[in-house]
């Protein structure tokens, strides 16, 4: 019996010795599979011009760099253009060799470089020149993104924001006066805003939100305006005057004094600061009583 038991123990140890490395290898493979190519790549999307008029063309350089000792099989890539004012999105889907698959209206893609391929793309850089003709697109501020998909997993990188200005009634392009560019002064502007989310004393207003204001460099006051919203029977309004303006390269801080009302309740005095982000074209403010986020702005234009 002792000999039999010893033989069984030896056989068990032999099996464990063979199976254990297989289990470890399998576990490592699962870890690699589920973790995907994170930290194994870098994405880039750069625009040749960020301020355009309808009918202009802009070139993007899109690149996907695969790091050393990595490889993965890419299903496809996507150039995304997203605007919330107007609310439109373009998803241009193309193959790793630059061939357009779908959704690429007004877009031409040329592959500049590729990475070695063998059971997946090996270390190297896939690079593309993407030309967008803005004819047929709505004027607005567009956020851009570059995606690539591997085994149904999507990896994304944001690119440069582009602004497409409108055409006038004569069919000629106008100067891009509807949107504020990074570095552009904010003084002597008429500003309108829509959408976004307003929170006032615990009530959330997420529709019919509007901003109207002017900022002046001369005169008795620096400007005035209002923020309004309506939710069911509750109406929110904040009327204000501009006390002072801090105008920086990327942002403007507009210090306001005024009062707000909700419905028929008594007006409440409020001094606060409206922040305008010139890169995103959005306004926000945050005080104890009210907050505003994600409001899209236009400047000066009657036809905007």
C-alpha atoms as a PDB file:
ATOM      1  CA  UNK A   1       0.000   0.000   0.000  1.00  0.00           C
ATOM      2  CA  UNK A   2       2.820   2.350   0.840  1.00  0.00           C
ATOM      3  CA  UNK A   3       4.368   1.781  -2.585  1.00  0.00           C
ATOM      4  CA  UNK A   4       1.045   2.386  -4.316  1.00  0.00           C
ATOM      5  CA  UNK A   5       0.487   5.626  -2.366  1.00  0.00           C
ATOM      6  CA  UNK A   6       3.984   6.784  -3.176  1.00  0.00           C
ATOM      7  CA  UNK A   7       3.402   6.065  -6.850  1.00  0.00           C
ATOM      8  CA  UNK A   8       0.153   8.016  -6.836  1.00  0.00           C
ATOM      9  CA  UNK A   9       1.890  10.947  -5.156  1.00  0.00           C
ATOM     10  CA  UNK A  10       4.638  10.912  -7.756  1.00  0.00           C
ATOM     11  CA  UNK A  11       2.081  10.752 -10.554  1.00  0.00           C
ATOM     12  CA  UNK A  12       0.118  13.645  -9.039  1.00  0.00           C
ATOM     13  CA  UNK A  13       3.280  15.720  -8.670  1.00  0.00           C
ATOM     14  CA  UNK A  14       4.197  14.984 -12.278  1.00  0.00           C
ATOM     15  CA  UNK A  15       0.765  16.127 -13.497  1.00  0.00           C
ATOM     16  CA  UNK A  16       0.917  19.295 -11.415  1.00  0.00           C
ATOM     17  CA  UNK A  17       4.421  20.000 -12.724  1.00  0.00           C
ATOM     18  CA  UNK A  18       3.102  19.856 -16.303  1.00  0.00           C
ATOM     19  CA  UNK A  19      -0.260  21.574 -15.760  1.00  0.00           C
ATOM     20  CA  UNK A  20       0.901  24.478 -13.594  1.00  0.00           C
ATOM     21  CA  UNK A  21       2.975  26.224 -16.320  1.00  0.00           C
ATOM     22  CA  UNK A  22       0.037  25.851 -18.702  1.00  0.00           C
ATOM     23  CA  UNK A  23      -2.289  27.526 -16.193  1.00  0.00           C
ATOM     24  CA  UNK A  24       0.174  30.386 -15.671  1.00  0.00           C
ATOM     25  CA  UNK A  25       0.591  30.878 -19.436  1.00  0.00           C
ATOM     26  CA  UNK A  26      -3.171  30.844 -19.970  1.00  0.00           C
ATOM     27  CA  UNK A  27      -3.691  33.391 -17.175  1.00  0.00           C
ATOM     28  CA  UNK A  28      -1.093  35.721 -18.697  1.00  0.00           C
ATOM     29  CA  UNK A  29      -2.758  35.429 -22.119  1.00  0.00           C
ATOM     30  CA  UNK A  30      -6.140  36.287 -20.608  1.00  0.00           C
ATOM     31  CA  UNK A  31      -4.627  39.297 -18.865  1.00  0.00           C
ATOM     32  CA  UNK A  32      -3.117  40.568 -22.113  1.00  0.00           C
ATOM     33  CA  UNK A  33      -6.355  39.939 -24.006  1.00  0.00           C
ATOM     34  CA  UNK A  34      -8.640  41.781 -21.602  1.00  0.00           C
ATOM     35  CA  UNK A  35      -6.261  44.626 -20.940  1.00  0.00           C
ATOM     36  CA  UNK A  36      -6.022  45.332 -24.683  1.00  0.00           C
ATOM     37  CA  UNK A  37      -3.402  47.631 -26.171  1.00  0.00           C
ATOM     38  CA  UNK A  38      -3.509  50.202 -23.360  1.00  0.00           C
ATOM     39  CA  UNK A  39      -0.166  51.956 -22.932  1.00  0.00           C
ATOM     40  CA  UNK A  40       0.970  50.219 -26.101  1.00  0.00           C
ATOM     41  CA  UNK A  41       0.138  53.019 -28.530  1.00  0.00           C
ATOM     42  CA  UNK A  42      -0.187  56.775 -28.959  1.00  0.00           C
ATOM     43  CA  UNK A  43      -2.758  58.641 -31.067  1.00  0.00           C
ATOM     44  CA  UNK A  44      -2.530  62.114 -32.585  1.00  0.00           C
ATOM     45  CA  UNK A  45      -4.903  64.279 -34.649  1.00  0.00           C
ATOM     46  CA  UNK A  46      -3.708  67.743 -35.740  1.00  0.00           C
ATOM     47  CA  UNK A  47      -5.518  70.262 -37.986  1.00  0.00           C
ATOM     48  CA  UNK A  48      -3.703  72.558 -40.421  1.00  0.00           C
ATOM     49  CA  UNK A  49      -6.198  75.366 -39.681  1.00  0.00           C
ATOM     50  CA  UNK A  50      -8.758  75.723 -36.898  1.00  0.00           C
ATOM     51  CA  UNK A  51     -10.708  78.737 -38.219  1.00  0.00           C
ATOM     52  CA  UNK A  52     -12.516  78.145 -41.513  1.00  0.00           C
ATOM     53  CA  UNK A  53     -15.343  79.431 -43.654  1.00  0.00           C
ATOM     54  CA  UNK A  54     -17.876  77.235 -45.440  1.00  0.00           C
ATOM     55  CA  UNK A  55     -16.307  75.859 -48.597  1.00  0.00           C
ATOM     56  CA  UNK A  56     -12.766  75.878 -47.200  1.00  0.00           C
ATOM     57  CA  UNK A  57     -10.716  72.695 -46.914  1.00  0.00           C
ATOM     58  CA  UNK A  58      -8.630  71.640 -43.936  1.00  0.00           C
ATOM     59  CA  UNK A  59      -5.982  68.931 -43.678  1.00  0.00           C
ATOM     60  CA  UNK A  60      -5.646  66.670 -40.652  1.00  0.00           C
ATOM     61  CA  UNK A  61      -2.568  64.588 -39.902  1.00  0.00           C
ATOM     62  CA  UNK A  62      -3.779  61.486 -38.062  1.00  0.00           C
ATOM     63  CA  UNK A  63      -1.288  59.034 -36.625  1.00  0.00           C
ATOM     64  CA  UNK A  64      -1.291  55.835 -34.599  1.00  0.00           C
ATOM     65  CA  UNK A  65       2.098  54.868 -33.176  1.00  0.00           C
ATOM     66  CA  UNK A  66       2.554  51.287 -31.981  1.00  0.00           C
ATOM     67  CA  UNK A  67       5.165  50.964 -29.279  1.00  0.00           C
ATOM     68  CA  UNK A  68       8.093  48.522 -29.166  1.00  0.00           C
ATOM     69  CA  UNK A  69       7.379  44.870 -28.356  1.00  0.00           C
ATOM     70  CA  UNK A  70       3.667  45.331 -29.120  1.00  0.00           C
ATOM     71  CA  UNK A  71       1.394  44.255 -31.932  1.00  0.00           C
ATOM     72  CA  UNK A  72      -2.340  44.108 -32.480  1.00  0.00           C
ATOM     73  CA  UNK A  73      -4.757  43.648 -35.334  1.00  0.00           C
ATOM     74  CA  UNK A  74      -6.710  46.830 -36.110  1.00  0.00           C
ATOM     75  CA  UNK A  75     -10.268  46.398 -37.354  1.00  0.00           C
ATOM     76  CA  UNK A  76     -10.699  50.008 -38.550  1.00  0.00           C
ATOM     77  CA  UNK A  77     -10.198  53.680 -37.612  1.00  0.00           C
ATOM     78  CA  UNK A  78     -12.715  56.531 -37.268  1.00  0.00           C
ATOM     79  CA  UNK A  79     -12.407  60.302 -37.682  1.00  0.00           C
ATOM     80  CA  UNK A  80     -15.199  61.926 -35.646  1.00  0.00           C
ATOM     81  CA  UNK A  81     -16.514  65.486 -35.966  1.00  0.00           C
ATOM     82  CA  UNK A  82     -18.959  66.511 -33.224  1.00  0.00           C
ATOM     83  CA  UNK A  83     -20.851  69.776 -32.797  1.00  0.00           C
ATOM     84  CA  UNK A  84     -23.549  70.609 -30.247  1.00  0.00           C
ATOM     85  CA  UNK A  85     -24.505  73.880 -31.905  1.00  0.00           C
ATOM     86  CA  UNK A  86     -25.841  72.682 -34.312  1.00  0.00           C
ATOM     87  CA  UNK A  87     -26.257  69.153 -32.962  1.00  0.00           C
ATOM     88  CA  UNK A  88     -24.503  67.093 -35.657  1.00  0.00           C
ATOM     89  CA  UNK A  89     -21.921  64.318 -35.765  1.00  0.00           C
ATOM     90  CA  UNK A  90     -19.871  62.831 -38.595  1.00  0.00           C
ATOM     91  CA  UNK A  91     -18.227  59.413 -38.160  1.00  0.00           C
ATOM     92  CA  UNK A  92     -15.794  58.735 -41.004  1.00  0.00           C
ATOM     93  CA  UNK A  93     -14.826  55.050 -40.859  1.00  0.00           C
ATOM     94  CA  UNK A  94     -11.762  53.852 -42.777  1.00  0.00           C
ATOM     95  CA  UNK A  95      -9.523  50.789 -42.963  1.00  0.00           C
ATOM     96  CA  UNK A  96      -5.886  50.700 -41.738  1.00  0.00           C
ATOM     97  CA  UNK A  97      -4.673  51.137 -45.327  1.00  0.00           C
ATOM     98  CA  UNK A  98      -6.710  54.352 -45.677  1.00  0.00           C
ATOM     99  CA  UNK A  99      -9.595  52.957 -47.720  1.00  0.00           C
ATOM    100  CA  UNK A 100     -12.871  54.691 -46.856  1.00  0.00           C
ATOM    101  CA  UNK A 101     -15.525  52.358 -45.447  1.00  0.00           C
ATOM    102  CA  UNK A 102     -18.482  54.647 -44.643  1.00  0.00           C
ATOM    103  CA  UNK A 103     -19.678  58.057 -43.451  1.00  0.00           C
ATOM    104  CA  UNK A 104     -16.928  60.173 -45.051  1.00  0.00           C
ATOM    105  CA  UNK A 105     -18.838  62.885 -46.914  1.00  0.00           C
ATOM    106  CA  UNK A 106     -16.440  65.521 -48.255  1.00  0.00           C
ATOM    107  CA  UNK A 107     -13.450  63.643 -46.844  1.00  0.00           C
ATOM    108  CA  UNK A 108     -10.414  62.246 -48.678  1.00  0.00           C
ATOM    109  CA  UNK A 109      -7.827  60.006 -46.987  1.00  0.00           C
ATOM    110  CA  UNK A 110      -4.269  59.238 -48.115  1.00  0.00           C
ATOM    111  CA  UNK A 111      -2.005  56.931 -46.132  1.00  0.00           C
ATOM    112  CA  UNK A 112       1.408  58.482 -45.518  1.00  0.00           C
ATOM    113  CA  UNK A 113       3.095  55.604 -43.695  1.00  0.00           C
ATOM    114  CA  UNK A 114       2.313  52.166 -42.303  1.00  0.00           C
ATOM    115  CA  UNK A 115       3.680  49.720 -39.751  1.00  0.00           C
ATOM    116  CA  UNK A 116       4.954  46.183 -40.497  1.00  0.00           C
ATOM    117  CA  UNK A 117       2.196  43.604 -40.543  1.00  0.00           C
ATOM    118  CA  UNK A 118       2.223  39.948 -39.554  1.00  0.00           C
ATOM    119  CA  UNK A 119      -0.657  38.488 -37.540  1.00  0.00           C
ATOM    120  CA  UNK A 120      -1.283  42.114 -36.515  1.00  0.00           C
ATOM    121  CA  UNK A 121       0.490  45.457 -36.859  1.00  0.00           C
ATOM    122  CA  UNK A 122       3.971  45.521 -35.320  1.00  0.00           C
ATOM    123  CA  UNK A 123       5.900  48.499 -33.876  1.00  0.00           C
ATOM    124  CA  UNK A 124       5.772  51.485 -36.202  1.00  0.00           C
ATOM    125  CA  UNK A 125       3.495  54.388 -37.133  1.00  0.00           C
ATOM    126  CA  UNK A 126       0.354  54.390 -39.250  1.00  0.00           C
ATOM    127  CA  UNK A 127      -0.065  57.949 -40.512  1.00  0.00           C
ATOM    128  CA  UNK A 128      -2.728  59.527 -42.729  1.00  0.00           C
ATOM    129  CA  UNK A 129      -3.411  62.870 -44.414  1.00  0.00           C
ATOM    130  CA  UNK A 130      -7.149  63.504 -44.132  1.00  0.00           C
ATOM    131  CA  UNK A 131      -8.630  66.366 -46.183  1.00  0.00           C
ATOM    132  CA  UNK A 132     -12.041  67.713 -45.194  1.00  0.00           C
ATOM    133  CA  UNK A 133     -13.972  69.942 -47.600  1.00  0.00           C
ATOM    134  CA  UNK A 134     -16.468  71.910 -45.493  1.00  0.00           C
ATOM    135  CA  UNK A 135     -18.951  72.440 -48.343  1.00  0.00           C
ATOM    136  CA  UNK A 136     -22.193  70.841 -47.207  1.00  0.00           C
ATOM    137  CA  UNK A 137     -21.336  71.002 -43.502  1.00  0.00           C
ATOM    138  CA  UNK A 138     -23.227  73.227 -41.091  1.00  0.00           C
ATOM    139  CA  UNK A 139     -21.385  76.203 -39.654  1.00  0.00           C
ATOM    140  CA  UNK A 140     -20.413  75.662 -36.034  1.00  0.00           C
ATOM    141  CA  UNK A 141     -17.696  74.642 -33.606  1.00  0.00           C
ATOM    142  CA  UNK A 142     -16.580  71.034 -34.048  1.00  0.00           C
ATOM    143  CA  UNK A 143     -14.668  68.812 -31.652  1.00  0.00           C
ATOM    144  CA  UNK A 144     -12.557  66.195 -33.445  1.00  0.00           C
ATOM    145  CA  UNK A 145     -11.573  62.692 -32.373  1.00  0.00           C
ATOM    146  CA  UNK A 146      -9.503  59.816 -33.747  1.00  0.00           C
ATOM    147  CA  UNK A 147     -10.614  56.297 -32.816  1.00  0.00           C
ATOM    148  CA  UNK A 148      -9.295  52.861 -33.618  1.00  0.00           C
ATOM    149  CA  UNK A 149     -11.009  49.545 -32.948  1.00  0.00           C
ATOM    150  CA  UNK A 150      -9.355  46.251 -31.968  1.00  0.00           C
ATOM    151  CA  UNK A 151     -11.471  43.159 -31.252  1.00  0.00           C
ATOM    152  CA  UNK A 152     -14.566  45.337 -30.683  1.00  0.00           C
ATOM    153  CA  UNK A 153     -12.707  47.557 -28.201  1.00  0.00           C
ATOM    154  CA  UNK A 154     -12.596  51.274 -29.077  1.00  0.00           C
ATOM    155  CA  UNK A 155      -9.690  53.549 -28.144  1.00  0.00           C
ATOM    156  CA  UNK A 156     -10.072  57.305 -28.621  1.00  0.00           C
ATOM    157  CA  UNK A 157      -8.028  60.500 -28.628  1.00  0.00           C
ATOM    158  CA  UNK A 158      -9.387  64.040 -28.955  1.00  0.00           C
ATOM    159  CA  UNK A 159      -7.879  66.301 -31.622  1.00  0.00           C
ATOM    160  CA  UNK A 160      -7.952  69.995 -32.487  1.00  0.00           C
ATOM    161  CA  UNK A 161     -11.227  71.924 -32.361  1.00  0.00           C
ATOM    162  CA  UNK A 162     -12.212  73.490 -35.697  1.00  0.00           C
ATOM    163  CA  UNK A 163     -14.627  76.366 -36.291  1.00  0.00           C
ATOM    164  CA  UNK A 164     -16.584  76.593 -39.547  1.00  0.00           C
ATOM    165  CA  UNK A 165     -17.975  80.072 -40.208  1.00  0.00           C
ATOM    166  CA  UNK A 166     -21.209  80.751 -42.141  1.00  0.00           C
ATOM    167  CA  UNK A 167     -21.876  82.101 -45.642  1.00  0.00           C
ATOM    168  CA  UNK A 168     -23.822  85.278 -46.274  1.00  0.00           C
ATOM    169  CA  UNK A 169     -26.916  85.466 -48.496  1.00  0.00           C
ATOM    170  CA  UNK A 170     -24.797  86.304 -51.534  1.00  0.00           C
ATOM    171  CA  UNK A 171     -23.033  82.972 -51.325  1.00  0.00           C
ATOM    172  CA  UNK A 172     -19.696  84.442 -50.306  1.00  0.00           C
ATOM    173  CA  UNK A 173     -17.908  83.362 -47.167  1.00  0.00           C
ATOM    174  CA  UNK A 174     -17.914  85.773 -44.238  1.00  0.00           C
ATOM    175  CA  UNK A 175     -15.289  86.391 -41.606  1.00  0.00           C
ATOM    176  CA  UNK A 176     -15.645  83.940 -38.745  1.00  0.00           C
ATOM    177  CA  UNK A 177     -17.397  86.438 -36.434  1.00  0.00           C
ATOM    178  CA  UNK A 178     -19.831  83.972 -34.898  1.00  0.00           C
ATOM    179  CA  UNK A 179     -17.198  82.281 -32.762  1.00  0.00           C
ATOM    180  CA  UNK A 180     -14.417  83.489 -30.525  1.00  0.00           C
ATOM    181  CA  UNK A 181     -10.922  82.193 -31.260  1.00  0.00           C
ATOM    182  CA  UNK A 182      -8.250  81.464 -28.692  1.00  0.00           C
ATOM    183  CA  UNK A 183      -6.357  84.704 -28.033  1.00  0.00           C
ATOM    184  CA  UNK A 184      -9.110  86.945 -29.442  1.00  0.00           C
ATOM    185  CA  UNK A 185     -10.238  89.818 -27.153  1.00  0.00           C
ATOM    186  CA  UNK A 186     -13.731  89.499 -25.718  1.00  0.00           C
ATOM    187  CA  UNK A 187     -14.397  93.221 -25.229  1.00  0.00           C
ATOM    188  CA  UNK A 188     -17.106  94.947 -27.303  1.00  0.00           C
ATOM    189  CA  UNK A 189     -18.901  91.706 -28.087  1.00  0.00           C
ATOM    190  CA  UNK A 190     -22.566  90.761 -28.112  1.00  0.00           C
ATOM    191  CA  UNK A 191     -22.872  87.218 -26.784  1.00  0.00           C
ATOM    192  CA  UNK A 192     -25.712  84.717 -27.024  1.00  0.00           C
ATOM    193  CA  UNK A 193     -25.809  81.254 -25.506  1.00  0.00           C
ATOM    194  CA  UNK A 194     -28.041  78.189 -25.645  1.00  0.00           C
ATOM    195  CA  UNK A 195     -28.337  74.727 -24.095  1.00  0.00           C
ATOM    196  CA  UNK A 196     -26.181  73.705 -21.155  1.00  0.00           C
ATOM    197  CA  UNK A 197     -27.405  72.823 -17.667  1.00  0.00           C
ATOM    198  CA  UNK A 198     -28.510  75.308 -14.998  1.00  0.00           C
ATOM    199  CA  UNK A 199     -28.947  74.345 -11.353  1.00  0.00           C
ATOM    200  CA  UNK A 200     -30.680  76.830  -9.049  1.00  0.00           C
ATOM    201  CA  UNK A 201     -31.384  76.056  -5.386  1.00  0.00           C
ATOM    202  CA  UNK A 202     -31.659  72.334  -6.104  1.00  0.00           C
ATOM    203  CA  UNK A 203     -33.774  72.653  -9.261  1.00  0.00           C
ATOM    204  CA  UNK A 204     -32.114  71.465 -12.480  1.00  0.00           C
ATOM    205  CA  UNK A 205     -32.998  73.300 -15.703  1.00  0.00           C
ATOM    206  CA  UNK A 206     -31.653  71.362 -18.697  1.00  0.00           C
ATOM    207  CA  UNK A 207     -33.796  72.708 -21.574  1.00  0.00           C
ATOM    208  CA  UNK A 208     -34.657  76.140 -23.003  1.00  0.00           C
ATOM    209  CA  UNK A 209     -31.582  77.710 -21.414  1.00  0.00           C
ATOM    210  CA  UNK A 210     -30.553  81.069 -22.912  1.00  0.00           C
ATOM    211  CA  UNK A 211     -27.910  83.734 -22.323  1.00  0.00           C
ATOM    212  CA  UNK A 212     -27.908  87.225 -23.794  1.00  0.00           C
ATOM    213  CA  UNK A 213     -25.295  89.833 -22.850  1.00  0.00           C
ATOM    214  CA  UNK A 214     -23.044  92.584 -24.096  1.00  0.00           C
ATOM    215  CA  UNK A 215     -19.551  93.561 -22.970  1.00  0.00           C
ATOM    216  CA  UNK A 216     -18.310  97.102 -23.476  1.00  0.00           C
ATOM    217  CA  UNK A 217     -14.861  98.653 -23.173  1.00  0.00           C
ATOM    218  CA  UNK A 218     -16.326 102.180 -22.816  1.00  0.00           C
ATOM    219  CA  UNK A 219     -19.329 103.702 -21.106  1.00  0.00           C
ATOM    220  CA  UNK A 220     -20.825 103.973 -17.637  1.00  0.00           C
ATOM    221  CA  UNK A 221     -21.100 100.189 -17.319  1.00  0.00           C
ATOM    222  CA  UNK A 222     -19.111  97.312 -18.774  1.00  0.00           C
ATOM    223  CA  UNK A 223     -22.273  95.717 -20.120  1.00  0.00           C
ATOM    224  CA  UNK A 224     -25.414  93.879 -19.046  1.00  0.00           C
ATOM    225  CA  UNK A 225     -27.434  90.785 -19.774  1.00  0.00           C
ATOM    226  CA  UNK A 226     -29.594  87.931 -18.570  1.00  0.00           C
ATOM    227  CA  UNK A 227     -29.713  84.150 -18.219  1.00  0.00           C
ATOM    228  CA  UNK A 228     -33.151  82.534 -18.486  1.00  0.00           C
ATOM    229  CA  UNK A 229     -34.681  79.077 -18.465  1.00  0.00           C
ATOM    230  CA  UNK A 230     -38.069  77.399 -18.236  1.00  0.00           C
ATOM    231  CA  UNK A 231     -38.919  73.996 -16.773  1.00  0.00           C
ATOM    232  CA  UNK A 232     -42.597  73.127 -16.661  1.00  0.00           C
ATOM    233  CA  UNK A 233     -44.149  76.056 -14.723  1.00  0.00           C
ATOM    234  CA  UNK A 234     -40.889  77.105 -13.107  1.00  0.00           C
ATOM    235  CA  UNK A 235     -39.148  80.008 -14.799  1.00  0.00           C
ATOM    236  CA  UNK A 236     -35.592  80.962 -13.859  1.00  0.00           C
ATOM    237  CA  UNK A 237     -34.114  84.374 -14.633  1.00  0.00           C
ATOM    238  CA  UNK A 238     -30.891  86.090 -13.649  1.00  0.00           C
ATOM    239  CA  UNK A 239     -30.470  89.703 -14.732  1.00  0.00           C
ATOM    240  CA  UNK A 240     -27.106  91.340 -14.231  1.00  0.00           C
ATOM    241  CA  UNK A 241     -24.634  94.082 -15.028  1.00  0.00           C
ATOM    242  CA  UNK A 242     -20.974  93.529 -15.841  1.00  0.00           C
ATOM    243  CA  UNK A 243     -18.703  94.869 -13.082  1.00  0.00           C
ATOM    244  CA  UNK A 244     -15.330  93.982 -14.567  1.00  0.00           C
ATOM    245  CA  UNK A 245     -13.634  91.671 -17.066  1.00  0.00           C
ATOM    246  CA  UNK A 246     -10.418  89.646 -16.862  1.00  0.00           C
ATOM    247  CA  UNK A 247      -9.613  88.727 -20.465  1.00  0.00           C
ATOM    248  CA  UNK A 248      -6.910  86.058 -20.814  1.00  0.00           C
ATOM    249  CA  UNK A 249      -5.600  84.141 -23.821  1.00  0.00           C
ATOM    250  CA  UNK A 250      -7.676  80.974 -23.286  1.00  0.00           C
ATOM    251  CA  UNK A 251     -10.431  82.198 -20.956  1.00  0.00           C
ATOM    252  CA  UNK A 252     -12.358  85.310 -19.950  1.00  0.00           C
ATOM    253  CA  UNK A 253     -13.650  85.890 -16.416  1.00  0.00           C
ATOM    254  CA  UNK A 254     -16.667  88.230 -16.409  1.00  0.00           C
ATOM    255  CA  UNK A 255     -17.627  89.467 -12.949  1.00  0.00           C
ATOM    256  CA  UNK A 256     -21.373  90.078 -12.626  1.00  0.00           C
ATOM    257  CA  UNK A 257     -23.718  91.724 -10.145  1.00  0.00           C
ATOM    258  CA  UNK A 258     -27.484  91.255 -10.219  1.00  0.00           C
ATOM    259  CA  UNK A 259     -30.358  89.181  -8.866  1.00  0.00           C
ATOM    260  CA  UNK A 260     -32.157  85.962  -9.774  1.00  0.00           C
ATOM    261  CA  UNK A 261     -35.726  84.706  -9.446  1.00  0.00           C
ATOM    262  CA  UNK A 262     -37.382  81.306  -9.608  1.00  0.00           C
ATOM    263  CA  UNK A 263     -41.070  81.504 -10.467  1.00  0.00           C
ATOM    264  CA  UNK A 264     -42.930  84.054  -8.360  1.00  0.00           C
ATOM    265  CA  UNK A 265     -40.451  83.970  -5.496  1.00  0.00           C
ATOM    266  CA  UNK A 266     -38.706  87.112  -4.340  1.00  0.00           C
ATOM    267  CA  UNK A 267     -35.582  88.166  -6.258  1.00  0.00           C
ATOM    268  CA  UNK A 268     -32.311  87.168  -4.583  1.00  0.00           C
ATOM    269  CA  UNK A 269     -29.158  89.320  -4.979  1.00  0.00           C
ATOM    270  CA  UNK A 270     -26.220  87.480  -6.540  1.00  0.00           C
ATOM    271  CA  UNK A 271     -22.678  88.465  -7.456  1.00  0.00           C
ATOM    272  CA  UNK A 272     -20.850  85.789  -9.419  1.00  0.00           C
ATOM    273  CA  UNK A 273     -18.340  85.184 -12.209  1.00  0.00           C
ATOM    274  CA  UNK A 274     -19.156  83.904 -15.684  1.00  0.00           C
ATOM    275  CA  UNK A 275     -16.269  81.947 -17.234  1.00  0.00           C
ATOM    276  CA  UNK A 276     -15.946  81.797 -21.021  1.00  0.00           C
ATOM    277  CA  UNK A 277     -13.654  79.115 -22.418  1.00  0.00           C
ATOM    278  CA  UNK A 278     -12.406  80.371 -25.785  1.00  0.00           C
ATOM    279  CA  UNK A 279     -11.207  76.944 -26.875  1.00  0.00           C
ATOM    280  CA  UNK A 280     -14.511  75.114 -26.375  1.00  0.00           C
ATOM    281  CA  UNK A 281     -16.791  78.107 -26.979  1.00  0.00           C
ATOM    282  CA  UNK A 282     -18.743  77.368 -23.806  1.00  0.00           C
ATOM    283  CA  UNK A 283     -19.775  79.339 -20.723  1.00  0.00           C
ATOM    284  CA  UNK A 284     -19.961  78.233 -17.095  1.00  0.00           C
ATOM    285  CA  UNK A 285     -20.438  79.697 -13.646  1.00  0.00           C
ATOM    286  CA  UNK A 286     -20.481  78.201 -10.184  1.00  0.00           C
ATOM    287  CA  UNK A 287     -21.758  79.852  -7.028  1.00  0.00           C
ATOM    288  CA  UNK A 288     -23.455  78.653  -3.857  1.00  0.00           C
ATOM    289  CA  UNK A 289     -26.916  79.418  -5.214  1.00  0.00           C
ATOM    290  CA  UNK A 290     -26.705  78.695  -8.949  1.00  0.00           C
ATOM    291  CA  UNK A 291     -24.434  76.933 -11.405  1.00  0.00           C
ATOM    292  CA  UNK A 292     -24.185  76.802 -15.188  1.00  0.00           C
ATOM    293  CA  UNK A 293     -22.191  74.372 -17.328  1.00  0.00           C
ATOM    294  CA  UNK A 294     -21.818  73.459 -20.993  1.00  0.00           C
ATOM    295  CA  UNK A 295     -23.632  76.435 -22.534  1.00  0.00           C
ATOM    296  CA  UNK A 296     -22.686  76.948 -26.201  1.00  0.00           C
ATOM    297  CA  UNK A 297     -21.958  80.515 -27.282  1.00  0.00           C
ATOM    298  CA  UNK A 298     -22.031  82.615 -30.446  1.00  0.00           C
ATOM    299  CA  UNK A 299     -20.704  86.163 -30.775  1.00  0.00           C
ATOM    300  CA  UNK A 300     -21.903  89.268 -32.619  1.00  0.00           C
ATOM    301  CA  UNK A 301     -23.616  87.612 -35.592  1.00  0.00           C
ATOM    302  CA  UNK A 302     -27.181  88.362 -36.664  1.00  0.00           C
ATOM    303  CA  UNK A 303     -26.984  85.368 -38.984  1.00  0.00           C
ATOM    304  CA  UNK A 304     -25.312  83.033 -36.499  1.00  0.00           C
END
